[in-house]
């Protein structure tokens, strides 16, 4: 819960020791630490640096690394995604359709001029 990067480093080291014999426990520990980086409000560059350390200390087999990567990507997308109401979706769709129509008209004018 601490925003101190050394807390993350210490936590990663302790988790590495605790999970030395269990890939499943190590996977959960690594995922939890990565998620905590987002929750603590670290800057993106700090998250990347701390992630490198966590990745080095808490190694996983390739299959679990792939699974972890998918889960981290999904988590990252969910954190950036906000709820879009049905009205906003309709407005976006109409805006896209209008933009496409405007682009087609401009293209036709350009072709006619040429």
PDB file of N, CA and C in Angstrom:
ATOM      1  N   UNK A   1       0.818  -1.205   0.000  1.00  0.00           N
ATOM      2  CA  UNK A   1       0.000   0.000   0.000  1.00  0.00           C
ATOM      3  C   UNK A   1       0.858   1.264   0.000  1.00  0.00           C
ATOM      4  N   UNK A   2       2.131   1.113   0.294  1.00  0.00           N
ATOM      5  CA  UNK A   2       3.020   2.264   0.354  1.00  0.00           C
ATOM      6  C   UNK A   2       3.383   2.752  -1.043  1.00  0.00           C
ATOM      7  N   UNK A   3       3.508   4.062  -1.184  1.00  0.00           N
ATOM      8  CA  UNK A   3       3.932   4.659  -2.458  1.00  0.00           C
ATOM      9  C   UNK A   3       5.449   4.754  -2.543  1.00  0.00           C
ATOM     10  N   UNK A   4       6.148   4.160  -1.606  1.00  0.00           N
ATOM     11  CA  UNK A   4       7.597   4.155  -1.601  1.00  0.00           C
ATOM     12  C   UNK A   4       8.091   3.002  -2.483  1.00  0.00           C
ATOM     13  N   UNK A   5       8.901   3.290  -3.509  1.00  0.00           N
ATOM     14  CA  UNK A   5       9.368   2.224  -4.395  1.00  0.00           C
ATOM     15  C   UNK A   5      10.158   1.133  -3.663  1.00  0.00           C
ATOM     16  N   UNK A   6      10.850   1.504  -2.578  1.00  0.00           N
ATOM     17  CA  UNK A   6      11.583   0.495  -1.819  1.00  0.00           C
ATOM     18  C   UNK A   6      10.646  -0.516  -1.164  1.00  0.00           C
ATOM     19  N   UNK A   7       9.443  -0.098  -0.855  1.00  0.00           N
ATOM     20  CA  UNK A   7       8.458  -1.033  -0.306  1.00  0.00           C
ATOM     21  C   UNK A   7       8.134  -2.108  -1.336  1.00  0.00           C
ATOM     22  N   UNK A   8       8.029  -1.711  -2.598  1.00  0.00           N
ATOM     23  CA  UNK A   8       7.756  -2.670  -3.672  1.00  0.00           C
ATOM     24  C   UNK A   8       8.934  -3.628  -3.834  1.00  0.00           C
ATOM     25  N   UNK A   9      10.152  -3.084  -3.809  1.00  0.00           N
ATOM     26  CA  UNK A   9      11.344  -3.907  -3.942  1.00  0.00           C
ATOM     27  C   UNK A   9      11.411  -4.928  -2.804  1.00  0.00           C
ATOM     28  N   UNK A  10      11.167  -4.471  -1.594  1.00  0.00           N
ATOM     29  CA  UNK A  10      11.179  -5.360  -0.433  1.00  0.00           C
ATOM     30  C   UNK A  10      10.098  -6.422  -0.553  1.00  0.00           C
ATOM     31  N   UNK A  11       8.916  -6.002  -0.935  1.00  0.00           N
ATOM     32  CA  UNK A  11       7.791  -6.932  -1.089  1.00  0.00           C
ATOM     33  C   UNK A  11       8.114  -7.989  -2.148  1.00  0.00           C
ATOM     34  N   UNK A  12       8.702  -7.572  -3.261  1.00  0.00           N
ATOM     35  CA  UNK A  12       9.046  -8.517  -4.321  1.00  0.00           C
ATOM     36  C   UNK A  12      10.065  -9.542  -3.814  1.00  0.00           C
ATOM     37  N   UNK A  13      11.040  -9.072  -3.094  1.00  0.00           N
ATOM     38  CA  UNK A  13      12.059  -9.976  -2.539  1.00  0.00           C
ATOM     39  C   UNK A  13      11.432 -10.984  -1.574  1.00  0.00           C
ATOM     40  N   UNK A  14      10.567 -10.501  -0.691  1.00  0.00           N
ATOM     41  CA  UNK A  14       9.908 -11.398   0.268  1.00  0.00           C
ATOM     42  C   UNK A  14       9.012 -12.408  -0.435  1.00  0.00           C
ATOM     43  N   UNK A  15       8.289 -11.954  -1.455  1.00  0.00           N
ATOM     44  CA  UNK A  15       7.414 -12.864  -2.210  1.00  0.00           C
ATOM     45  C   UNK A  15       8.234 -13.909  -2.951  1.00  0.00           C
ATOM     46  N   UNK A  16       9.400 -13.521  -3.455  1.00  0.00           N
ATOM     47  CA  UNK A  16      10.271 -14.480  -4.140  1.00  0.00           C
ATOM     48  C   UNK A  16      10.701 -15.580  -3.185  1.00  0.00           C
ATOM     49  N   UNK A  17      11.025 -15.212  -1.960  1.00  0.00           N
ATOM     50  CA  UNK A  17      11.423 -16.215  -0.964  1.00  0.00           C
ATOM     51  C   UNK A  17      10.249 -17.101  -0.572  1.00  0.00           C
ATOM     52  N   UNK A  18       9.078 -16.481  -0.362  1.00  0.00           N
ATOM     53  CA  UNK A  18       7.897 -17.230   0.080  1.00  0.00           C
ATOM     54  C   UNK A  18       7.384 -18.210  -0.977  1.00  0.00           C
ATOM     55  N   UNK A  19       7.569 -17.885  -2.255  1.00  0.00           N
ATOM     56  CA  UNK A  19       6.964 -18.677  -3.327  1.00  0.00           C
ATOM     57  C   UNK A  19       7.986 -19.533  -4.086  1.00  0.00           C
ATOM     58  N   UNK A  20       9.141 -19.744  -3.502  1.00  0.00           N
ATOM     59  CA  UNK A  20      10.227 -20.452  -4.191  1.00  0.00           C
ATOM     60  C   UNK A  20       9.809 -21.831  -4.708  1.00  0.00           C
ATOM     61  N   UNK A  21       8.927 -22.512  -4.048  1.00  0.00           N
ATOM     62  CA  UNK A  21       8.563 -23.863  -4.470  1.00  0.00           C
ATOM     63  C   UNK A  21       7.253 -23.980  -5.228  1.00  0.00           C
ATOM     64  N   UNK A  22       6.547 -22.892  -5.438  1.00  0.00           N
ATOM     65  CA  UNK A  22       5.215 -22.981  -6.031  1.00  0.00           C
ATOM     66  C   UNK A  22       5.038 -21.968  -7.163  1.00  0.00           C
ATOM     67  N   UNK A  23       4.917 -22.481  -8.385  1.00  0.00           N
ATOM     68  CA  UNK A  23       4.715 -21.595  -9.536  1.00  0.00           C
ATOM     69  C   UNK A  23       3.377 -20.865  -9.450  1.00  0.00           C
ATOM     70  N   UNK A  24       2.349 -21.553  -8.974  1.00  0.00           N
ATOM     71  CA  UNK A  24       1.027 -20.928  -8.872  1.00  0.00           C
ATOM     72  C   UNK A  24       1.045 -19.776  -7.867  1.00  0.00           C
ATOM     73  N   UNK A  25       1.677 -19.995  -6.728  1.00  0.00           N
ATOM     74  CA  UNK A  25       1.769 -18.934  -5.717  1.00  0.00           C
ATOM     75  C   UNK A  25       2.623 -17.783  -6.226  1.00  0.00           C
ATOM     76  N   UNK A  26       3.682 -18.094  -6.941  1.00  0.00           N
ATOM     77  CA  UNK A  26       4.551 -17.053  -7.497  1.00  0.00           C
ATOM     78  C   UNK A  26       3.797 -16.223  -8.533  1.00  0.00           C
ATOM     79  N   UNK A  27       2.999 -16.902  -9.355  1.00  0.00           N
ATOM     80  CA  UNK A  27       2.176 -16.208 -10.356  1.00  0.00           C
ATOM     81  C   UNK A  27       1.249 -15.203  -9.671  1.00  0.00           C
ATOM     82  N   UNK A  28       0.540 -15.665  -8.648  1.00  0.00           N
ATOM     83  CA  UNK A  28      -0.391 -14.785  -7.936  1.00  0.00           C
ATOM     84  C   UNK A  28       0.338 -13.631  -7.258  1.00  0.00           C
ATOM     85  N   UNK A  29       1.499 -13.911  -6.691  1.00  0.00           N
ATOM     86  CA  UNK A  29       2.282 -12.866  -6.025  1.00  0.00           C
ATOM     87  C   UNK A  29       2.742 -11.817  -7.031  1.00  0.00           C
ATOM     88  N   UNK A  30       3.220 -12.276  -8.166  1.00  0.00           N
ATOM     89  CA  UNK A  30       3.708 -11.363  -9.198  1.00  0.00           C
ATOM     90  C   UNK A  30       2.569 -10.510  -9.743  1.00  0.00           C
ATOM     91  N   UNK A  31       1.443 -11.130 -10.004  1.00  0.00           N
ATOM     92  CA  UNK A  31       0.278 -10.392 -10.492  1.00  0.00           C
ATOM     93  C   UNK A  31      -0.174  -9.362  -9.463  1.00  0.00           C
ATOM     94  N   UNK A  32      -0.217  -9.754  -8.205  1.00  0.00           N
ATOM     95  CA  UNK A  32      -0.620  -8.828  -7.143  1.00  0.00           C
ATOM     96  C   UNK A  32       0.317  -7.639  -7.029  1.00  0.00           C
ATOM     97  N   UNK A  33       1.616  -7.892  -7.138  1.00  0.00           N
ATOM     98  CA  UNK A  33       2.577  -6.796  -7.063  1.00  0.00           C
ATOM     99  C   UNK A  33       2.429  -5.842  -8.243  1.00  0.00           C
ATOM    100  N   UNK A  34       2.222  -6.386  -9.426  1.00  0.00           N
ATOM    101  CA  UNK A  34       2.061  -5.542 -10.618  1.00  0.00           C
ATOM    102  C   UNK A  34       0.808  -4.686 -10.483  1.00  0.00           C
ATOM    103  N   UNK A  35      -0.277  -5.285 -10.041  1.00  0.00           N
ATOM    104  CA  UNK A  35      -1.510  -4.510  -9.850  1.00  0.00           C
ATOM    105  C   UNK A  35      -1.323  -3.411  -8.799  1.00  0.00           C
ATOM    106  N   UNK A  36      -0.552  -3.717  -7.776  1.00  0.00           N
ATOM    107  CA  UNK A  36      -0.330  -2.711  -6.731  1.00  0.00           C
ATOM    108  C   UNK A  36       0.431  -1.504  -7.260  1.00  0.00           C
ATOM    109  N   UNK A  37       1.255  -1.693  -8.283  1.00  0.00           N
ATOM    110  CA  UNK A  37       1.968  -0.563  -8.886  1.00  0.00           C
ATOM    111  C   UNK A  37       0.986   0.457  -9.448  1.00  0.00           C
ATOM    112  N   UNK A  38      -0.074  -0.033 -10.053  1.00  0.00           N
ATOM    113  CA  UNK A  38      -1.098   0.854 -10.615  1.00  0.00           C
ATOM    114  C   UNK A  38      -1.888   1.538  -9.494  1.00  0.00           C
ATOM    115  N   UNK A  39      -2.239   0.758  -8.481  1.00  0.00           N
ATOM    116  CA  UNK A  39      -3.059   1.303  -7.392  1.00  0.00           C
ATOM    117  C   UNK A  39      -2.313   2.359  -6.579  1.00  0.00           C
ATOM    118  N   UNK A  40      -1.003   2.222  -6.452  1.00  0.00           N
ATOM    119  CA  UNK A  40      -0.218   3.162  -5.644  1.00  0.00           C
ATOM    120  C   UNK A  40      -0.012   4.499  -6.350  1.00  0.00           C
ATOM    121  N   UNK A  41      -0.367   4.574  -7.608  1.00  0.00           N
ATOM    122  CA  UNK A  41      -0.284   5.838  -8.320  1.00  0.00           C
ATOM    123  C   UNK A  41       1.100   6.191  -8.822  1.00  0.00           C
ATOM    124  N   UNK A  42       1.952   5.188  -9.047  1.00  0.00           N
ATOM    125  CA  UNK A  42       3.279   5.451  -9.599  1.00  0.00           C
ATOM    126  C   UNK A  42       3.160   5.986 -11.024  1.00  0.00           C
ATOM    127  N   UNK A  43       4.118   6.805 -11.431  1.00  0.00           N
ATOM    128  CA  UNK A  43       4.181   7.282 -12.807  1.00  0.00           C
ATOM    129  C   UNK A  43       4.491   6.101 -13.717  1.00  0.00           C
ATOM    130  N   UNK A  44       4.134   6.227 -14.975  1.00  0.00           N
ATOM    131  CA  UNK A  44       4.312   5.126 -15.929  1.00  0.00           C
ATOM    132  C   UNK A  44       5.769   4.644 -15.975  1.00  0.00           C
ATOM    133  N   UNK A  45       6.712   5.570 -16.033  1.00  0.00           N
ATOM    134  CA  UNK A  45       8.128   5.179 -16.083  1.00  0.00           C
ATOM    135  C   UNK A  45       8.544   4.426 -14.823  1.00  0.00           C
ATOM    136  N   UNK A  46       8.047   4.869 -13.673  1.00  0.00           N
ATOM    137  CA  UNK A  46       8.352   4.175 -12.411  1.00  0.00           C
ATOM    138  C   UNK A  46       7.763   2.767 -12.411  1.00  0.00           C
ATOM    139  N   UNK A  47       6.557   2.639 -12.949  1.00  0.00           N
ATOM    140  CA  UNK A  47       5.921   1.323 -13.039  1.00  0.00           C
ATOM    141  C   UNK A  47       6.780   0.396 -13.893  1.00  0.00           C
ATOM    142  N   UNK A  48       7.274   0.904 -15.012  1.00  0.00           N
ATOM    143  CA  UNK A  48       8.101   0.075 -15.901  1.00  0.00           C
ATOM    144  C   UNK A  48       9.394  -0.366 -15.215  1.00  0.00           C
ATOM    145  N   UNK A  49      10.030   0.553 -14.500  1.00  0.00           N
ATOM    146  CA  UNK A  49      11.274   0.211 -13.810  1.00  0.00           C
ATOM    147  C   UNK A  49      11.023  -0.812 -12.699  1.00  0.00           C
ATOM    148  N   UNK A  50       9.979  -0.591 -11.927  1.00  0.00           N
ATOM    149  CA  UNK A  50       9.667  -1.532 -10.854  1.00  0.00           C
ATOM    150  C   UNK A  50       9.222  -2.883 -11.419  1.00  0.00           C
ATOM    151  N   UNK A  51       8.514  -2.829 -12.539  1.00  0.00           N
ATOM    152  CA  UNK A  51       8.095  -4.074 -13.182  1.00  0.00           C
ATOM    153  C   UNK A  51       9.312  -4.880 -13.616  1.00  0.00           C
ATOM    154  N   UNK A  52      10.334  -4.221 -14.143  1.00  0.00           N
ATOM    155  CA  UNK A  52      11.558  -4.931 -14.540  1.00  0.00           C
ATOM    156  C   UNK A  52      12.163  -5.672 -13.347  1.00  0.00           C
ATOM    157  N   UNK A  53      12.177  -5.008 -12.206  1.00  0.00           N
ATOM    158  CA  UNK A  53      12.734  -5.646 -11.021  1.00  0.00           C
ATOM    159  C   UNK A  53      11.878  -6.836 -10.592  1.00  0.00           C
ATOM    160  N   UNK A  54      10.566  -6.626 -10.543  1.00  0.00           N
ATOM    161  CA  UNK A  54       9.648  -7.703 -10.159  1.00  0.00           C
ATOM    162  C   UNK A  54       9.807  -8.884 -11.113  1.00  0.00           C
ATOM    163  N   UNK A  55       9.917  -8.593 -12.402  1.00  0.00           N
ATOM    164  CA  UNK A  55      10.061  -9.631 -13.413  1.00  0.00           C
ATOM    165  C   UNK A  55      11.360 -10.411 -13.226  1.00  0.00           C
ATOM    166  N   UNK A  56      12.412  -9.733 -12.821  1.00  0.00           N
ATOM    167  CA  UNK A  56      13.705 -10.370 -12.606  1.00  0.00           C
ATOM    168  C   UNK A  56      13.690 -11.253 -11.354  1.00  0.00           C
ATOM    169  N   UNK A  57      13.045 -10.761 -10.300  1.00  0.00           N
ATOM    170  CA  UNK A  57      13.040 -11.479  -9.018  1.00  0.00           C
ATOM    171  C   UNK A  57      12.033 -12.634  -9.014  1.00  0.00           C
ATOM    172  N   UNK A  58      10.885 -12.426  -9.611  1.00  0.00           N
ATOM    173  CA  UNK A  58       9.823 -13.440  -9.606  1.00  0.00           C
ATOM    174  C   UNK A  58       9.691 -14.072 -10.995  1.00  0.00           C
ATOM    175  N   UNK A  59      10.645 -14.876 -11.380  1.00  0.00           N
ATOM    176  CA  UNK A  59      10.600 -15.510 -12.697  1.00  0.00           C
ATOM    177  C   UNK A  59       9.546 -16.603 -12.728  1.00  0.00           C
ATOM    178  N   UNK A  60       8.958 -16.759 -13.913  1.00  0.00           N
ATOM    179  CA  UNK A  60       7.929 -17.773 -14.139  1.00  0.00           C
ATOM    180  C   UNK A  60       8.263 -18.552 -15.408  1.00  0.00           C
ATOM    181  N   UNK A  61       7.726 -19.757 -15.552  1.00  0.00           N
ATOM    182  CA  UNK A  61       7.877 -20.484 -16.815  1.00  0.00           C
ATOM    183  C   UNK A  61       7.190 -19.701 -17.947  1.00  0.00           C
ATOM    184  N   UNK A  62       7.614 -19.963 -19.171  1.00  0.00           N
ATOM    185  CA  UNK A  62       7.126 -19.193 -20.321  1.00  0.00           C
ATOM    186  C   UNK A  62       5.601 -19.186 -20.442  1.00  0.00           C
ATOM    187  N   UNK A  63       4.975 -20.315 -20.249  1.00  0.00           N
ATOM    188  CA  UNK A  63       3.504 -20.379 -20.358  1.00  0.00           C
ATOM    189  C   UNK A  63       2.813 -19.468 -19.358  1.00  0.00           C
ATOM    190  N   UNK A  64       3.307 -19.448 -18.132  1.00  0.00           N
ATOM    191  CA  UNK A  64       2.715 -18.580 -17.113  1.00  0.00           C
ATOM    192  C   UNK A  64       3.038 -17.115 -17.384  1.00  0.00           C
ATOM    193  N   UNK A  65       4.221 -16.838 -17.944  1.00  0.00           N
ATOM    194  CA  UNK A  65       4.568 -15.458 -18.304  1.00  0.00           C
ATOM    195  C   UNK A  65       3.598 -14.934 -19.352  1.00  0.00           C
ATOM    196  N   UNK A  66       3.273 -15.769 -20.329  1.00  0.00           N
ATOM    197  CA  UNK A  66       2.321 -15.379 -21.381  1.00  0.00           C
ATOM    198  C   UNK A  66       0.952 -15.111 -20.780  1.00  0.00           C
ATOM    199  N   UNK A  67       0.515 -15.984 -19.905  1.00  0.00           N
ATOM    200  CA  UNK A  67      -0.777 -15.809 -19.237  1.00  0.00           C
ATOM    201  C   UNK A  67      -0.769 -14.531 -18.401  1.00  0.00           C
ATOM    202  N   UNK A  68       0.319 -14.301 -17.685  1.00  0.00           N
ATOM    203  CA  UNK A  68       0.439 -13.098 -16.856  1.00  0.00           C
ATOM    204  C   UNK A  68       0.379 -11.848 -17.726  1.00  0.00           C
ATOM    205  N   UNK A  69       1.085 -11.871 -18.839  1.00  0.00           N
ATOM    206  CA  UNK A  69       1.102 -10.717 -19.744  1.00  0.00           C
ATOM    207  C   UNK A  69      -0.309 -10.394 -20.227  1.00  0.00           C
ATOM    208  N   UNK A  70      -1.075 -11.413 -20.589  1.00  0.00           N
ATOM    209  CA  UNK A  70      -2.464 -11.202 -21.027  1.00  0.00           C
ATOM    210  C   UNK A  70      -3.296 -10.574 -19.920  1.00  0.00           C
ATOM    211  N   UNK A  71      -3.122 -11.071 -18.730  1.00  0.00           N
ATOM    212  CA  UNK A  71      -3.894 -10.556 -17.600  1.00  0.00           C
ATOM    213  C   UNK A  71      -3.509  -9.113 -17.262  1.00  0.00           C
ATOM    214  N   UNK A  72      -2.222  -8.802 -17.344  1.00  0.00           N
ATOM    215  CA  UNK A  72      -1.762  -7.436 -17.076  1.00  0.00           C
ATOM    216  C   UNK A  72      -2.285  -6.474 -18.141  1.00  0.00           C
ATOM    217  N   UNK A  73      -2.276  -6.900 -19.399  1.00  0.00           N
ATOM    218  CA  UNK A  73      -2.816  -6.057 -20.470  1.00  0.00           C
ATOM    219  C   UNK A  73      -4.296  -5.776 -20.250  1.00  0.00           C
ATOM    220  N   UNK A  74      -5.040  -6.798 -19.892  1.00  0.00           N
ATOM    221  CA  UNK A  74      -6.468  -6.633 -19.640  1.00  0.00           C
ATOM    222  C   UNK A  74      -6.695  -5.674 -18.475  1.00  0.00           C
ATOM    223  N   UNK A  75      -5.929  -5.842 -17.419  1.00  0.00           N
ATOM    224  CA  UNK A  75      -6.038  -4.978 -16.252  1.00  0.00           C
ATOM    225  C   UNK A  75      -5.724  -3.529 -16.620  1.00  0.00           C
ATOM    226  N   UNK A  76      -4.683  -3.341 -17.436  1.00  0.00           N
ATOM    227  CA  UNK A  76      -4.285  -2.000 -17.862  1.00  0.00           C
ATOM    228  C   UNK A  76      -5.398  -1.348 -18.679  1.00  0.00           C
ATOM    229  N   UNK A  77      -6.011  -2.099 -19.577  1.00  0.00           N
ATOM    230  CA  UNK A  77      -7.107  -1.574 -20.391  1.00  0.00           C
ATOM    231  C   UNK A  77      -8.306  -1.218 -19.531  1.00  0.00           C
ATOM    232  N   UNK A  78      -8.623  -2.043 -18.561  1.00  0.00           N
ATOM    233  CA  UNK A  78      -9.762  -1.771 -17.680  1.00  0.00           C
ATOM    234  C   UNK A  78      -9.529  -0.503 -16.868  1.00  0.00           C
ATOM    235  N   UNK A  79      -8.289  -0.279 -16.459  1.00  0.00           N
ATOM    236  CA  UNK A  79      -7.975   0.917 -15.660  1.00  0.00           C
ATOM    237  C   UNK A  79      -8.102   2.188 -16.490  1.00  0.00           C
ATOM    238  N   UNK A  80      -7.817   2.089 -17.781  1.00  0.00           N
ATOM    239  CA  UNK A  80      -7.899   3.274 -18.643  1.00  0.00           C
ATOM    240  C   UNK A  80      -9.295   3.470 -19.201  1.00  0.00           C
ATOM    241  N   UNK A  81     -10.091   2.410 -19.229  1.00  0.00           N
ATOM    242  CA  UNK A  81     -11.396   2.478 -19.857  1.00  0.00           C
ATOM    243  C   UNK A  81     -12.427   3.069 -18.902  1.00  0.00           C
ATOM    244  N   UNK A  82     -13.233   3.975 -19.403  1.00  0.00           N
ATOM    245  CA  UNK A  82     -14.318   4.506 -18.604  1.00  0.00           C
ATOM    246  C   UNK A  82     -15.631   4.036 -19.211  1.00  0.00           C
ATOM    247  N   UNK A  83     -16.679   4.083 -18.436  1.00  0.00           N
ATOM    248  CA  UNK A  83     -17.971   3.629 -18.931  1.00  0.00           C
ATOM    249  C   UNK A  83     -18.490   4.593 -19.988  1.00  0.00           C
ATOM    250  N   UNK A  84     -18.958   4.056 -21.106  1.00  0.00           N
ATOM    251  CA  UNK A  84     -19.538   4.855 -22.179  1.00  0.00           C
ATOM    252  C   UNK A  84     -21.016   4.512 -22.227  1.00  0.00           C
ATOM    253  N   UNK A  85     -21.855   5.522 -22.028  1.00  0.00           N
ATOM    254  CA  UNK A  85     -23.294   5.281 -22.015  1.00  0.00           C
ATOM    255  C   UNK A  85     -23.802   4.985 -23.421  1.00  0.00           C
ATOM    256  N   UNK A  86     -25.022   4.462 -23.502  1.00  0.00           N
ATOM    257  CA  UNK A  86     -25.608   4.132 -24.804  1.00  0.00           C
ATOM    258  C   UNK A  86     -25.763   5.388 -25.652  1.00  0.00           C
ATOM    259  N   UNK A  87     -26.073   6.518 -25.024  1.00  0.00           N
ATOM    260  CA  UNK A  87     -26.208   7.772 -25.770  1.00  0.00           C
ATOM    261  C   UNK A  87     -24.869   8.198 -26.375  1.00  0.00           C
ATOM    262  N   UNK A  88     -23.806   8.023 -25.606  1.00  0.00           N
ATOM    263  CA  UNK A  88     -22.472   8.366 -26.112  1.00  0.00           C
ATOM    264  C   UNK A  88     -22.072   7.455 -27.266  1.00  0.00           C
ATOM    265  N   UNK A  89     -22.407   6.158 -27.158  1.00  0.00           N
ATOM    266  CA  UNK A  89     -22.081   5.234 -28.242  1.00  0.00           C
ATOM    267  C   UNK A  89     -22.825   5.611 -29.517  1.00  0.00           C
ATOM    268  N   UNK A  90     -24.101   5.973 -29.399  1.00  0.00           N
ATOM    269  CA  UNK A  90     -24.887   6.381 -30.567  1.00  0.00           C
ATOM    270  C   UNK A  90     -24.299   7.650 -31.171  1.00  0.00           C
ATOM    271  N   UNK A  91     -23.944   8.610 -30.330  1.00  0.00           N
ATOM    272  CA  UNK A  91     -23.353   9.860 -30.821  1.00  0.00           C
ATOM    273  C   UNK A  91     -22.016   9.598 -31.511  1.00  0.00           C
ATOM    274  N   UNK A  92     -21.212   8.699 -30.955  1.00  0.00           N
ATOM    275  CA  UNK A  92     -19.937   8.360 -31.589  1.00  0.00           C
ATOM    276  C   UNK A  92     -20.163   7.724 -32.952  1.00  0.00           C
ATOM    277  N   UNK A  93     -21.123   6.816 -33.027  1.00  0.00           N
ATOM    278  CA  UNK A  93     -21.409   6.145 -34.291  1.00  0.00           C
ATOM    279  C   UNK A  93     -21.866   7.141 -35.341  1.00  0.00           C
ATOM    280  N   UNK A  94     -22.761   8.048 -34.946  1.00  0.00           N
ATOM    281  CA  UNK A  94     -23.239   9.064 -35.888  1.00  0.00           C
ATOM    282  C   UNK A  94     -22.099   9.988 -36.313  1.00  0.00           C
ATOM    283  N   UNK A  95     -21.231  10.325 -35.371  1.00  0.00           N
ATOM    284  CA  UNK A  95     -20.087  11.177 -35.694  1.00  0.00           C
ATOM    285  C   UNK A  95     -19.150  10.513 -36.683  1.00  0.00           C
ATOM    286  N   UNK A  96     -18.934   9.231 -36.493  1.00  0.00           N
ATOM    287  CA  UNK A  96     -18.073   8.479 -37.418  1.00  0.00           C
ATOM    288  C   UNK A  96     -18.718   8.423 -38.790  1.00  0.00           C
ATOM    289  N   UNK A  97     -20.015   8.135 -38.831  1.00  0.00           N
ATOM    290  CA  UNK A  97     -20.720   8.072 -40.118  1.00  0.00           C
ATOM    291  C   UNK A  97     -20.672   9.427 -40.820  1.00  0.00           C
ATOM    292  N   UNK A  98     -20.868  10.491 -40.068  1.00  0.00           N
ATOM    293  CA  UNK A  98     -20.823  11.831 -40.652  1.00  0.00           C
ATOM    294  C   UNK A  98     -19.411  12.127 -41.171  1.00  0.00           C
ATOM    295  N   UNK A  99     -18.413  11.753 -40.418  1.00  0.00           N
ATOM    296  CA  UNK A  99     -17.025  11.968 -40.843  1.00  0.00           C
ATOM    297  C   UNK A  99     -16.692  11.198 -42.104  1.00  0.00           C
ATOM    298  N   UNK A 100     -17.173   9.962 -42.195  1.00  0.00           N
ATOM    299  CA  UNK A 100     -16.942   9.164 -43.394  1.00  0.00           C
ATOM    300  C   UNK A 100     -17.635   9.811 -44.586  1.00  0.00           C
ATOM    301  N   UNK A 101     -18.872  10.249 -44.378  1.00  0.00           N
ATOM    302  CA  UNK A 101     -19.615  10.913 -45.462  1.00  0.00           C
ATOM    303  C   UNK A 101     -18.910  12.174 -45.933  1.00  0.00           C
ATOM    304  N   UNK A 102     -18.436  12.977 -45.004  1.00  0.00           N
ATOM    305  CA  UNK A 102     -17.712  14.205 -45.348  1.00  0.00           C
ATOM    306  C   UNK A 102     -16.443  13.877 -46.123  1.00  0.00           C
ATOM    307  N   UNK A 103     -15.736  12.846 -45.701  1.00  0.00           N
ATOM    308  CA  UNK A 103     -14.514  12.427 -46.392  1.00  0.00           C
ATOM    309  C   UNK A 103     -14.806  11.946 -47.798  1.00  0.00           C
ATOM    310  N   UNK A 104     -15.900  11.229 -47.975  1.00  0.00           N
ATOM    311  CA  UNK A 104     -16.277  10.756 -49.306  1.00  0.00           C
ATOM    312  C   UNK A 104     -16.612  11.920 -50.232  1.00  0.00           C
ATOM    313  N   UNK A 105     -17.321  12.915 -49.711  1.00  0.00           N
ATOM    314  CA  UNK A 105     -17.656  14.094 -50.512  1.00  0.00           C
ATOM    315  C   UNK A 105     -16.384  14.814 -50.937  1.00  0.00           C
ATOM    316  N   UNK A 106     -15.452  15.013 -50.034  1.00  0.00           N
ATOM    317  CA  UNK A 106     -14.189  15.676 -50.361  1.00  0.00           C
ATOM    318  C   UNK A 106     -13.410  14.895 -51.413  1.00  0.00           C
ATOM    319  N   UNK A 107     -13.401  13.571 -51.276  1.00  0.00           N
ATOM    320  CA  UNK A 107     -12.703  12.742 -52.239  1.00  0.00           C
ATOM    321  C   UNK A 107     -13.330  12.859 -53.617  1.00  0.00           C
ATOM    322  N   UNK A 108     -14.665  12.828 -53.676  1.00  0.00           N
ATOM    323  CA  UNK A 108     -15.355  12.972 -54.963  1.00  0.00           C
ATOM    324  C   UNK A 108     -15.053  14.331 -55.587  1.00  0.00           C
ATOM    325  N   UNK A 109     -15.071  15.395 -54.796  1.00  0.00           N
ATOM    326  CA  UNK A 109     -14.760  16.725 -55.324  1.00  0.00           C
ATOM    327  C   UNK A 109     -13.338  16.769 -55.889  1.00  0.00           C
ATOM    328  N   UNK A 110     -12.410  16.176 -55.167  1.00  0.00           N
ATOM    329  CA  UNK A 110     -11.018  16.144 -55.597  1.00  0.00           C
ATOM    330  C   UNK A 110     -10.869  15.372 -56.894  1.00  0.00           C
ATOM    331  N   UNK A 111     -11.570  14.248 -56.994  1.00  0.00           N
ATOM    332  CA  UNK A 111     -11.514  13.433 -58.221  1.00  0.00           C
ATOM    333  C   UNK A 111     -12.116  14.190 -59.400  1.00  0.00           C
ATOM    334  N   UNK A 112     -13.216  14.880 -59.178  1.00  0.00           N
ATOM    335  CA  UNK A 112     -13.868  15.649 -60.243  1.00  0.00           C
ATOM    336  C   UNK A 112     -12.949  16.767 -60.713  1.00  0.00           C
ATOM    337  N   UNK A 113     -12.302  17.445 -59.762  1.00  0.00           N
ATOM    338  CA  UNK A 113     -11.394  18.539 -60.123  1.00  0.00           C
ATOM    339  C   UNK A 113     -10.205  18.024 -60.934  1.00  0.00           C
ATOM    340  N   UNK A 114      -9.731  16.852 -60.603  1.00  0.00           N
ATOM    341  CA  UNK A 114      -8.574  16.314 -61.333  1.00  0.00           C
ATOM    342  C   UNK A 114      -9.003  15.871 -62.705  1.00  0.00           C
TER     343      UNK A 114
END
